[in-house]
Amino acid sequence: DLDTLGVTAEQADREVLWIEPGAAVVHGGADAVAHLLKQSPRR
């Protein structure tokens, strides 16, 4: 549900997106990948 997540289909089609719960900031592309890596339980 892109509207609920606050992103557009154009954004999502252009790059992978990382969305934090309750945050208004959306990270895309390499920044989204970095956030995914930082969230891992593995050091």
PDB file of all heavy atoms in Angstrom:
ATOM      1  N   ASP A   1       0.868  -1.173   0.000  1.00  0.00           N
ATOM      2  CA  ASP A   1       0.000   0.000   0.000  1.00  0.00           C
ATOM      3  C   ASP A   1       0.910   1.230   0.000  1.00  0.00           C
ATOM      4  O   ASP A   1       1.297   1.739   1.054  1.00  0.00           O
ATOM      5  CB  ASP A   1      -0.913  -0.015   1.228  1.00  0.00           C
ATOM      6  CG  ASP A   1      -1.907   1.128   1.243  1.00  0.00           C
ATOM      7  OD1 ASP A   1      -1.774   2.073   0.432  1.00  0.00           O
ATOM      8  OD2 ASP A   1      -2.822   1.085   2.093  1.00  0.00           O
ATOM      9  N   LEU A   2       1.281   1.671  -1.181  1.00  0.00           N
ATOM     10  CA  LEU A   2       2.256   2.748  -1.323  1.00  0.00           C
ATOM     11  C   LEU A   2       1.775   4.052  -0.705  1.00  0.00           C
ATOM     12  O   LEU A   2       2.574   4.795  -0.121  1.00  0.00           O
ATOM     13  CB  LEU A   2       2.615   2.943  -2.794  1.00  0.00           C
ATOM     14  CG  LEU A   2       3.223   1.723  -3.495  1.00  0.00           C
ATOM     15  CD1 LEU A   2       3.529   2.049  -4.956  1.00  0.00           C
ATOM     16  CD2 LEU A   2       4.457   1.219  -2.775  1.00  0.00           C
ATOM     17  N   ASP A   3       0.495   4.344  -0.818  1.00  0.00           N
ATOM     18  CA  ASP A   3      -0.039   5.573  -0.229  1.00  0.00           C
ATOM     19  C   ASP A   3       0.154   5.591   1.284  1.00  0.00           C
ATOM     20  O   ASP A   3       0.590   6.588   1.851  1.00  0.00           O
ATOM     21  CB  ASP A   3      -1.527   5.751  -0.563  1.00  0.00           C
ATOM     22  CG  ASP A   3      -1.765   6.071  -2.026  1.00  0.00           C
ATOM     23  OD1 ASP A   3      -0.844   6.621  -2.677  1.00  0.00           O
ATOM     24  OD2 ASP A   3      -2.861   5.769  -2.525  1.00  0.00           O
ATOM     25  N   THR A   4      -0.156   4.483   1.928  1.00  0.00           N
ATOM     26  CA  THR A   4       0.012   4.385   3.377  1.00  0.00           C
ATOM     27  C   THR A   4       1.484   4.521   3.763  1.00  0.00           C
ATOM     28  O   THR A   4       1.815   5.120   4.788  1.00  0.00           O
ATOM     29  CB  THR A   4      -0.547   3.048   3.904  1.00  0.00           C
ATOM     30  OG1 THR A   4      -1.937   2.989   3.595  1.00  0.00           O
ATOM     31  CG2 THR A   4      -0.347   2.899   5.392  1.00  0.00           C
ATOM     32  N   LEU A   5       2.363   3.987   2.927  1.00  0.00           N
ATOM     33  CA  LEU A   5       3.797   4.051   3.221  1.00  0.00           C
ATOM     34  C   LEU A   5       4.411   5.401   2.858  1.00  0.00           C
ATOM     35  O   LEU A   5       5.554   5.674   3.208  1.00  0.00           O
ATOM     36  CB  LEU A   5       4.525   2.922   2.483  1.00  0.00           C
ATOM     37  CG  LEU A   5       4.148   1.511   2.926  1.00  0.00           C
ATOM     38  CD1 LEU A   5       4.789   0.475   2.019  1.00  0.00           C
ATOM     39  CD2 LEU A   5       4.547   1.289   4.382  1.00  0.00           C
ATOM     40  N   GLY A   6       3.668   6.211   2.125  1.00  0.00           N
ATOM     41  CA  GLY A   6       4.162   7.545   1.773  1.00  0.00           C
ATOM     42  C   GLY A   6       5.156   7.566   0.633  1.00  0.00           C
ATOM     43  O   GLY A   6       6.018   8.435   0.580  1.00  0.00           O
ATOM     44  N   VAL A   7       5.040   6.604  -0.278  1.00  0.00           N
ATOM     45  CA  VAL A   7       5.932   6.563  -1.434  1.00  0.00           C
ATOM     46  C   VAL A   7       5.104   6.423  -2.708  1.00  0.00           C
ATOM     47  O   VAL A   7       3.940   6.029  -2.667  1.00  0.00           O
ATOM     48  CB  VAL A   7       6.970   5.416  -1.342  1.00  0.00           C
ATOM     49  CG1 VAL A   7       7.862   5.576  -0.125  1.00  0.00           C
ATOM     50  CG2 VAL A   7       6.295   4.062  -1.328  1.00  0.00           C
ATOM     51  N   THR A   8       5.723   6.724  -3.822  1.00  0.00           N
ATOM     52  CA  THR A   8       5.044   6.606  -5.109  1.00  0.00           C
ATOM     53  C   THR A   8       5.540   5.366  -5.849  1.00  0.00           C
ATOM     54  O   THR A   8       6.627   4.844  -5.567  1.00  0.00           O
ATOM     55  CB  THR A   8       5.312   7.837  -5.989  1.00  0.00           C
ATOM     56  OG1 THR A   8       6.711   7.874  -6.319  1.00  0.00           O
ATOM     57  CG2 THR A   8       4.907   9.129  -5.282  1.00  0.00           C
ATOM     58  N   ALA A   9       4.753   4.947  -6.820  1.00  0.00           N
ATOM     59  CA  ALA A   9       5.160   3.820  -7.661  1.00  0.00           C
ATOM     60  C   ALA A   9       6.430   4.167  -8.430  1.00  0.00           C
ATOM     61  O   ALA A   9       7.284   3.306  -8.640  1.00  0.00           O
ATOM     62  CB  ALA A   9       4.028   3.434  -8.619  1.00  0.00           C
ATOM     63  N   GLU A  10       6.569   5.420  -8.822  1.00  0.00           N
ATOM     64  CA  GLU A  10       7.775   5.847  -9.551  1.00  0.00           C
ATOM     65  C   GLU A  10       9.022   5.681  -8.684  1.00  0.00           C
ATOM     66  O   GLU A  10      10.053   5.216  -9.162  1.00  0.00           O
ATOM     67  CB  GLU A  10       7.639   7.300 -10.013  1.00  0.00           C
ATOM     68  CG  GLU A  10       6.603   7.501 -11.103  1.00  0.00           C
ATOM     69  CD  GLU A  10       5.156   7.516 -10.584  1.00  0.00           C
ATOM     70  OE1 GLU A  10       4.931   7.767  -9.367  1.00  0.00           O
ATOM     71  OE2 GLU A  10       4.252   7.252 -11.386  1.00  0.00           O
ATOM     72  N   GLN A  11       8.926   6.075  -7.404  1.00  0.00           N
ATOM     73  CA  GLN A  11      10.059   5.890  -6.488  1.00  0.00           C
ATOM     74  C   GLN A  11      10.395   4.411  -6.339  1.00  0.00           C
ATOM     75  O   GLN A  11      11.555   4.016  -6.423  1.00  0.00           O
ATOM     76  CB  GLN A  11       9.719   6.427  -5.087  1.00  0.00           C
ATOM     77  CG  GLN A  11       9.753   7.900  -4.900  1.00  0.00           C
ATOM     78  CD  GLN A  11       9.283   8.241  -3.488  1.00  0.00           C
ATOM     79  OE1 GLN A  11       8.104   8.104  -3.172  1.00  0.00           O
ATOM     80  NE2 GLN A  11      10.202   8.663  -2.650  1.00  0.00           N
ATOM     81  N   ALA A  12       9.368   3.622  -6.082  1.00  0.00           N
ATOM     82  CA  ALA A  12       9.572   2.198  -5.825  1.00  0.00           C
ATOM     83  C   ALA A  12      10.071   1.457  -7.051  1.00  0.00           C
ATOM     84  O   ALA A  12      10.819   0.485  -6.932  1.00  0.00           O
ATOM     85  CB  ALA A  12       8.269   1.577  -5.314  1.00  0.00           C
ATOM     86  N   ASP A  13       9.675   1.918  -8.231  1.00  0.00           N
ATOM     87  CA  ASP A  13      10.128   1.283  -9.461  1.00  0.00           C
ATOM     88  C   ASP A  13      11.574   1.648  -9.776  1.00  0.00           C
ATOM     89  O   ASP A  13      12.297   0.884 -10.383  1.00  0.00           O
ATOM     90  CB  ASP A  13       9.221   1.682 -10.621  1.00  0.00           C
ATOM     91  CG  ASP A  13       9.520   0.914 -11.888  1.00  0.00           C
ATOM     92  OD1 ASP A  13       9.685  -0.324 -11.807  1.00  0.00           O
ATOM     93  OD2 ASP A  13       9.592   1.537 -12.955  1.00  0.00           O
ATOM     94  N   ARG A  14      12.001   2.813  -9.334  1.00  0.00           N
ATOM     95  CA  ARG A  14      13.340   3.310  -9.642  1.00  0.00           C
ATOM     96  C   ARG A  14      14.421   2.663  -8.781  1.00  0.00           C
ATOM     97  O   ARG A  14      15.531   2.412  -9.244  1.00  0.00           O
ATOM     98  CB  ARG A  14      13.364   4.834  -9.471  1.00  0.00           C
ATOM     99  CG  ARG A  14      14.688   5.484  -9.828  1.00  0.00           C
ATOM    100  CD  ARG A  14      14.661   7.001  -9.720  1.00  0.00           C
ATOM    101  NE  ARG A  14      14.244   7.455  -8.403  1.00  0.00           N
ATOM    102  CZ  ARG A  14      13.120   8.157  -8.146  1.00  0.00           C
ATOM    103  NH1 ARG A  14      12.299   8.472  -9.103  1.00  0.00           N
ATOM    104  NH2 ARG A  14      12.829   8.525  -6.920  1.00  0.00           N
ATOM    105  N   GLU A  15      14.076   2.385  -7.506  1.00  0.00           N
ATOM    106  CA  GLU A  15      15.097   1.855  -6.597  1.00  0.00           C
ATOM    107  C   GLU A  15      14.447   1.148  -5.416  1.00  0.00           C
ATOM    108  O   GLU A  15      13.282   1.382  -5.102  1.00  0.00           O
ATOM    109  CB  GLU A  15      16.005   2.985  -6.095  1.00  0.00           C
ATOM    110  CG  GLU A  15      15.275   4.085  -5.352  1.00  0.00           C
ATOM    111  CD  GLU A  15      16.135   5.299  -5.069  1.00  0.00           C
ATOM    112  OE1 GLU A  15      17.330   5.291  -5.408  1.00  0.00           O
ATOM    113  OE2 GLU A  15      15.606   6.254  -4.491  1.00  0.00           O
ATOM    114  N   VAL A  16      15.209   0.290  -4.768  1.00  0.00           N
ATOM    115  CA  VAL A  16      14.761  -0.374  -3.554  1.00  0.00           C
ATOM    116  C   VAL A  16      14.558   0.709  -2.493  1.00  0.00           C
ATOM    117  O   VAL A  16      15.295   1.705  -2.462  1.00  0.00           O
ATOM    118  CB  VAL A  16      15.775  -1.456  -3.104  1.00  0.00           C
ATOM    119  CG1 VAL A  16      17.100  -0.859  -2.700  1.00  0.00           C
ATOM    120  CG2 VAL A  16      15.226  -2.307  -1.997  1.00  0.00           C
ATOM    121  N   LEU A  17      13.531   0.544  -1.644  1.00  0.00           N
ATOM    122  CA  LEU A  17      13.219   1.553  -0.632  1.00  0.00           C
ATOM    123  C   LEU A  17      13.212   0.930   0.757  1.00  0.00           C
ATOM    124  O   LEU A  17      12.669  -0.159   0.954  1.00  0.00           O
ATOM    125  CB  LEU A  17      11.847   2.186  -0.904  1.00  0.00           C
ATOM    126  CG  LEU A  17      11.695   2.920  -2.225  1.00  0.00           C
ATOM    127  CD1 LEU A  17      10.251   3.361  -2.423  1.00  0.00           C
ATOM    128  CD2 LEU A  17      12.642   4.108  -2.302  1.00  0.00           C
ATOM    129  N   TRP A  18      13.783   1.649   1.710  1.00  0.00           N
ATOM    130  CA  TRP A  18      13.788   1.250   3.120  1.00  0.00           C
ATOM    131  C   TRP A  18      12.924   2.253   3.871  1.00  0.00           C
ATOM    132  O   TRP A  18      13.176   3.454   3.829  1.00  0.00           O
ATOM    133  CB  TRP A  18      15.209   1.263   3.672  1.00  0.00           C
ATOM    134  CG  TRP A  18      15.299   0.904   5.115  1.00  0.00           C
ATOM    135  CD1 TRP A  18      15.339   1.747   6.178  1.00  0.00           C
ATOM    136  CD2 TRP A  18      15.383  -0.410   5.662  1.00  0.00           C
ATOM    137  NE1 TRP A  18      15.437   1.036   7.347  1.00  0.00           N
ATOM    138  CE2 TRP A  18      15.463  -0.286   7.054  1.00  0.00           C
ATOM    139  CE3 TRP A  18      15.385  -1.682   5.096  1.00  0.00           C
ATOM    140  CZ2 TRP A  18      15.555  -1.391   7.900  1.00  0.00           C
ATOM    141  CZ3 TRP A  18      15.478  -2.771   5.936  1.00  0.00           C
ATOM    142  CH2 TRP A  18      15.564  -2.629   7.323  1.00  0.00           C
ATOM    143  N   ILE A  19      11.901   1.754   4.570  1.00  0.00           N
ATOM    144  CA  ILE A  19      10.970   2.611   5.282  1.00  0.00           C
ATOM    145  C   ILE A  19      10.956   2.190   6.747  1.00  0.00           C
ATOM    146  O   ILE A  19      10.629   1.046   7.075  1.00  0.00           O
ATOM    147  CB  ILE A  19       9.557   2.505   4.680  1.00  0.00           C
ATOM    148  CG1 ILE A  19       9.615   2.838   3.186  1.00  0.00           C
ATOM    149  CG2 ILE A  19       8.581   3.406   5.421  1.00  0.00           C
ATOM    150  CD1 ILE A  19       8.397   2.430   2.410  1.00  0.00           C
ATOM    151  N   GLU A  20      11.302   3.126   7.623  1.00  0.00           N
ATOM    152  CA  GLU A  20      11.279   2.868   9.063  1.00  0.00           C
ATOM    153  C   GLU A  20       9.862   3.076   9.579  1.00  0.00           C
ATOM    154  O   GLU A  20       9.181   4.007   9.161  1.00  0.00           O
ATOM    155  CB  GLU A  20      12.222   3.833   9.803  1.00  0.00           C
ATOM    156  CG  GLU A  20      13.684   3.583   9.570  1.00  0.00           C
ATOM    157  CD  GLU A  20      14.217   2.368  10.302  1.00  0.00           C
ATOM    158  OE1 GLU A  20      13.567   1.886  11.259  1.00  0.00           O
ATOM    159  OE2 GLU A  20      15.297   1.890   9.921  1.00  0.00           O
ATOM    160  N   PRO A  21       9.408   2.239  10.508  1.00  0.00           N
ATOM    161  CA  PRO A  21       8.057   2.424  11.043  1.00  0.00           C
ATOM    162  C   PRO A  21       7.945   3.753  11.792  1.00  0.00           C
ATOM    163  O   PRO A  21       8.822   4.107  12.575  1.00  0.00           O
ATOM    164  CB  PRO A  21       7.872   1.236  11.989  1.00  0.00           C
ATOM    165  CG  PRO A  21       9.247   0.731  12.277  1.00  0.00           C
ATOM    166  CD  PRO A  21      10.109   1.128  11.123  1.00  0.00           C
ATOM    167  N   GLY A  22       6.894   4.490  11.485  1.00  0.00           N
ATOM    168  CA  GLY A  22       6.644   5.759  12.167  1.00  0.00           C
ATOM    169  C   GLY A  22       7.517   6.915  11.729  1.00  0.00           C
ATOM    170  O   GLY A  22       7.365   8.021  12.214  1.00  0.00           O
ATOM    171  N   ALA A  23       8.434   6.698  10.821  1.00  0.00           N
ATOM    172  CA  ALA A  23       9.333   7.770  10.374  1.00  0.00           C
ATOM    173  C   ALA A  23       8.835   8.314   9.038  1.00  0.00           C
ATOM    174  O   ALA A  23       8.258   7.601   8.239  1.00  0.00           O
ATOM    175  CB  ALA A  23      10.756   7.250  10.227  1.00  0.00           C
ATOM    176  N   ALA A  24       9.085   9.582   8.836  1.00  0.00           N
ATOM    177  CA  ALA A  24       8.673  10.216   7.585  1.00  0.00           C
ATOM    178  C   ALA A  24       9.773  10.125   6.532  1.00  0.00           C
ATOM    179  O   ALA A  24       9.600  10.597   5.425  1.00  0.00           O
ATOM    180  CB  ALA A  24       8.305  11.666   7.844  1.00  0.00           C
ATOM    181  N   VAL A  25      10.904   9.521   6.876  1.00  0.00           N
ATOM    182  CA  VAL A  25      12.034   9.456   5.962  1.00  0.00           C
ATOM    183  C   VAL A  25      12.058   8.109   5.246  1.00  0.00           C
ATOM    184  O   VAL A  25      11.891   7.057   5.865  1.00  0.00           O
ATOM    185  CB  VAL A  25      13.364   9.661   6.732  1.00  0.00           C
ATOM    186  CG1 VAL A  25      14.551   9.549   5.806  1.00  0.00           C
ATOM    187  CG2 VAL A  25      13.361  11.001   7.451  1.00  0.00           C
ATOM    188  N   VAL A  26      12.247   8.180   3.953  1.00  0.00           N
ATOM    189  CA  VAL A  26      12.374   6.979   3.128  1.00  0.00           C
ATOM    190  C   VAL A  26      13.777   6.986   2.536  1.00  0.00           C
ATOM    191  O   VAL A  26      14.211   7.990   1.977  1.00  0.00           O
ATOM    192  CB  VAL A  26      11.319   6.967   1.999  1.00  0.00           C
ATOM    193  CG1 VAL A  26      11.533   5.776   1.089  1.00  0.00           C
ATOM    194  CG2 VAL A  26       9.917   6.972   2.583  1.00  0.00           C
ATOM    195  N   HIS A  27      14.481   5.886   2.677  1.00  0.00           N
ATOM    196  CA  HIS A  27      15.834   5.760   2.120  1.00  0.00           C
ATOM    197  C   HIS A  27      15.749   4.905   0.863  1.00  0.00           C
ATOM    198  O   HIS A  27      15.083   3.874   0.854  1.00  0.00           O
ATOM    199  CB  HIS A  27      16.778   5.114   3.130  1.00  0.00           C
ATOM    200  CG  HIS A  27      16.875   5.875   4.402  1.00  0.00           C
ATOM    201  ND1 HIS A  27      17.692   6.962   4.551  1.00  0.00           N
ATOM    202  CD2 HIS A  27      16.230   5.725   5.587  1.00  0.00           C
ATOM    203  CE1 HIS A  27      17.559   7.445   5.777  1.00  0.00           C
ATOM    204  NE2 HIS A  27      16.681   6.713   6.416  1.00  0.00           N
ATOM    205  N   GLY A  28      16.428   5.340  -0.185  1.00  0.00           N
ATOM    206  CA  GLY A  28      16.381   4.614  -1.439  1.00  0.00           C
ATOM    207  C   GLY A  28      17.748   4.198  -1.931  1.00  0.00           C
ATOM    208  O   GLY A  28      18.772   4.759  -1.539  1.00  0.00           O
ATOM    209  N   GLY A  29      17.760   3.184  -2.801  1.00  0.00           N
ATOM    210  CA  GLY A  29      18.990   2.757  -3.454  1.00  0.00           C
ATOM    211  C   GLY A  29      20.014   2.215  -2.486  1.00  0.00           C
ATOM    212  O   GLY A  29      19.712   1.407  -1.601  1.00  0.00           O
ATOM    213  N   ALA A  30      21.247   2.665  -2.641  1.00  0.00           N
ATOM    214  CA  ALA A  30      22.350   2.193  -1.802  1.00  0.00           C
ATOM    215  C   ALA A  30      22.119   2.535  -0.329  1.00  0.00           C
ATOM    216  O   ALA A  30      22.515   1.770   0.551  1.00  0.00           O
ATOM    217  CB  ALA A  30      23.671   2.784  -2.284  1.00  0.00           C
ATOM    218  N   ASP A  31      21.464   3.663  -0.067  1.00  0.00           N
ATOM    219  CA  ASP A  31      21.162   4.029   1.323  1.00  0.00           C
ATOM    220  C   ASP A  31      20.195   3.015   1.946  1.00  0.00           C
ATOM    221  O   ASP A  31      20.328   2.663   3.118  1.00  0.00           O
ATOM    222  CB  ASP A  31      20.568   5.431   1.398  1.00  0.00           C
ATOM    223  CG  ASP A  31      21.553   6.512   0.968  1.00  0.00           C
ATOM    224  OD1 ASP A  31      22.784   6.260   1.017  1.00  0.00           O
ATOM    225  OD2 ASP A  31      21.099   7.598   0.582  1.00  0.00           O
ATOM    226  N   ALA A  32      19.236   2.525   1.155  1.00  0.00           N
ATOM    227  CA  ALA A  32      18.312   1.502   1.645  1.00  0.00           C
ATOM    228  C   ALA A  32      19.061   0.203   1.940  1.00  0.00           C
ATOM    229  O   ALA A  32      18.802  -0.445   2.960  1.00  0.00           O
ATOM    230  CB  ALA A  32      17.207   1.260   0.621  1.00  0.00           C
ATOM    231  N   VAL A  33      19.987  -0.151   1.081  1.00  0.00           N
ATOM    232  CA  VAL A  33      20.783  -1.366   1.293  1.00  0.00           C
ATOM    233  C   VAL A  33      21.613  -1.221   2.565  1.00  0.00           C
ATOM    234  O   VAL A  33      21.700  -2.151   3.374  1.00  0.00           O
ATOM    235  CB  VAL A  33      21.678  -1.670   0.072  1.00  0.00           C
ATOM    236  CG1 VAL A  33      22.605  -2.841   0.355  1.00  0.00           C
ATOM    237  CG2 VAL A  33      20.825  -1.936  -1.159  1.00  0.00           C
ATOM    238  N   ALA A  34      22.209  -0.058   2.776  1.00  0.00           N
ATOM    239  CA  ALA A  34      22.994   0.178   3.996  1.00  0.00           C
ATOM    240  C   ALA A  34      22.115   0.031   5.238  1.00  0.00           C
ATOM    241  O   ALA A  34      22.531  -0.577   6.228  1.00  0.00           O
ATOM    242  CB  ALA A  34      23.637   1.563   3.954  1.00  0.00           C
ATOM    243  N   HIS A  35      20.895   0.559   5.201  1.00  0.00           N
ATOM    244  CA  HIS A  35      19.983   0.415   6.339  1.00  0.00           C
ATOM    245  C   HIS A  35      19.611  -1.043   6.569  1.00  0.00           C
ATOM    246  O   HIS A  35      19.520  -1.485   7.721  1.00  0.00           O
ATOM    247  CB  HIS A  35      18.736   1.276   6.141  1.00  0.00           C
ATOM    248  CG  HIS A  35      18.924   2.683   6.563  1.00  0.00           C
ATOM    249  ND1 HIS A  35      19.548   3.618   5.773  1.00  0.00           N
ATOM    250  CD2 HIS A  35      18.607   3.318   7.705  1.00  0.00           C
ATOM    251  CE1 HIS A  35      19.592   4.768   6.403  1.00  0.00           C
ATOM    252  NE2 HIS A  35      19.027   4.612   7.582  1.00  0.00           N
ATOM    253  N   LEU A  36      19.395  -1.781   5.506  1.00  0.00           N
ATOM    254  CA  LEU A  36      19.097  -3.206   5.646  1.00  0.00           C
ATOM    255  C   LEU A  36      20.253  -3.920   6.328  1.00  0.00           C
ATOM    256  O   LEU A  36      20.052  -4.705   7.257  1.00  0.00           O
ATOM    257  CB  LEU A  36      18.829  -3.825   4.274  1.00  0.00           C
ATOM    258  CG  LEU A  36      18.623  -5.338   4.245  1.00  0.00           C
ATOM    259  CD1 LEU A  36      17.364  -5.733   5.001  1.00  0.00           C
ATOM    260  CD2 LEU A  36      18.575  -5.836   2.805  1.00  0.00           C
ATOM    261  N   LEU A  37      21.471  -3.632   5.887  1.00  0.00           N
ATOM    262  CA  LEU A  37      22.648  -4.261   6.497  1.00  0.00           C
ATOM    263  C   LEU A  37      22.784  -3.867   7.973  1.00  0.00           C
ATOM    264  O   LEU A  37      23.068  -4.714   8.826  1.00  0.00           O
ATOM    265  CB  LEU A  37      23.913  -3.864   5.736  1.00  0.00           C
ATOM    266  CG  LEU A  37      24.046  -4.403   4.318  1.00  0.00           C
ATOM    267  CD1 LEU A  37      25.228  -3.750   3.611  1.00  0.00           C
ATOM    268  CD2 LEU A  37      24.175  -5.909   4.317  1.00  0.00           C
ATOM    269  N   LYS A  38      22.568  -2.600   8.282  1.00  0.00           N
ATOM    270  CA  LYS A  38      22.707  -2.121   9.666  1.00  0.00           C
ATOM    271  C   LYS A  38      21.664  -2.734  10.595  1.00  0.00           C
ATOM    272  O   LYS A  38      21.877  -2.811  11.793  1.00  0.00           O
ATOM    273  CB  LYS A  38      22.611  -0.598   9.723  1.00  0.00           C
ATOM    274  CG  LYS A  38      23.817   0.094   9.138  1.00  0.00           C
ATOM    275  CD  LYS A  38      23.834   1.575   9.420  1.00  0.00           C
ATOM    276  CE  LYS A  38      22.819   2.330   8.623  1.00  0.00           C
ATOM    277  NZ  LYS A  38      22.951   3.794   8.795  1.00  0.00           N
ATOM    278  N   GLN A  39      20.566  -3.205  10.056  1.00  0.00           N
ATOM    279  CA  GLN A  39      19.496  -3.781  10.854  1.00  0.00           C
ATOM    280  C   GLN A  39      19.748  -5.253  11.183  1.00  0.00           C
ATOM    281  O   GLN A  39      19.126  -5.804  12.078  1.00  0.00           O
ATOM    282  CB  GLN A  39      18.176  -3.599  10.081  1.00  0.00           C
ATOM    283  CG  GLN A  39      16.937  -4.052  10.774  1.00  0.00           C
ATOM    284  CD  GLN A  39      16.597  -5.509  10.498  1.00  0.00           C
ATOM    285  OE1 GLN A  39      17.051  -6.126   9.535  1.00  0.00           O
ATOM    286  NE2 GLN A  39      15.816  -6.099  11.361  1.00  0.00           N
ATOM    287  N   SER A  40      20.676  -5.875  10.502  1.00  0.00           N
ATOM    288  CA  SER A  40      20.942  -7.298  10.706  1.00  0.00           C
ATOM    289  C   SER A  40      21.406  -7.579  12.137  1.00  0.00           C
ATOM    290  O   SER A  40      22.140  -6.791  12.727  1.00  0.00           O
ATOM    291  CB  SER A  40      22.029  -7.768   9.731  1.00  0.00           C
ATOM    292  OG  SER A  40      22.362  -9.122  10.007  1.00  0.00           O
ATOM    293  N   PRO A  41      21.000  -8.712  12.705  1.00  0.00           N
ATOM    294  CA  PRO A  41      21.498  -9.078  14.029  1.00  0.00           C
ATOM    295  C   PRO A  41      22.967  -9.522  14.006  1.00  0.00           C
ATOM    296  O   PRO A  41      23.598  -9.616  15.052  1.00  0.00           O
ATOM    297  CB  PRO A  41      20.584 -10.235  14.453  1.00  0.00           C
ATOM    298  CG  PRO A  41      20.040 -10.778  13.191  1.00  0.00           C
ATOM    299  CD  PRO A  41      19.999  -9.652  12.204  1.00  0.00           C
ATOM    300  N   ARG A  42      23.493  -9.743  12.829  1.00  0.00           N
ATOM    301  CA  ARG A  42      24.886 -10.181  12.719  1.00  0.00           C
ATOM    302  C   ARG A  42      25.816  -8.974  12.655  1.00  0.00           C
ATOM    303  O   ARG A  42      25.675  -8.096  11.811  1.00  0.00           O
ATOM    304  CB  ARG A  42      25.059 -11.056  11.484  1.00  0.00           C
ATOM    305  CG  ARG A  42      24.242 -12.322  11.617  1.00  0.00           C
ATOM    306  CD  ARG A  42      24.477 -13.263  10.497  1.00  0.00           C
ATOM    307  NE  ARG A  42      23.714 -14.483  10.736  1.00  0.00           N
ATOM    308  CZ  ARG A  42      23.213 -15.220   9.793  1.00  0.00           C
ATOM    309  NH1 ARG A  42      23.398 -14.901   8.528  1.00  0.00           N
ATOM    310  NH2 ARG A  42      22.525 -16.303  10.083  1.00  0.00           N
ATOM    311  N   ARG A  43      26.786  -8.960  13.536  1.00  0.00           N
ATOM    312  CA  ARG A  43      27.688  -7.816  13.688  1.00  0.00           C
ATOM    313  C   ARG A  43      28.433  -7.479  12.399  1.00  0.00           C
ATOM    314  O   ARG A  43      28.577  -6.298  12.041  1.00  0.00           O
ATOM    315  CB  ARG A  43      28.691  -8.097  14.808  1.00  0.00           C
ATOM    316  CG  ARG A  43      29.571  -6.923  15.135  1.00  0.00           C
ATOM    317  CD  ARG A  43      30.391  -7.208  16.398  1.00  0.00           C
ATOM    318  NE  ARG A  43      31.116  -6.031  16.795  1.00  0.00           N
ATOM    319  CZ  ARG A  43      32.370  -5.766  16.453  1.00  0.00           C
ATOM    320  NH1 ARG A  43      33.033  -6.620  15.689  1.00  0.00           N
ATOM    321  NH2 ARG A  43      32.966  -4.675  16.864  1.00  0.00           N
TER     322      ARG A  43
END
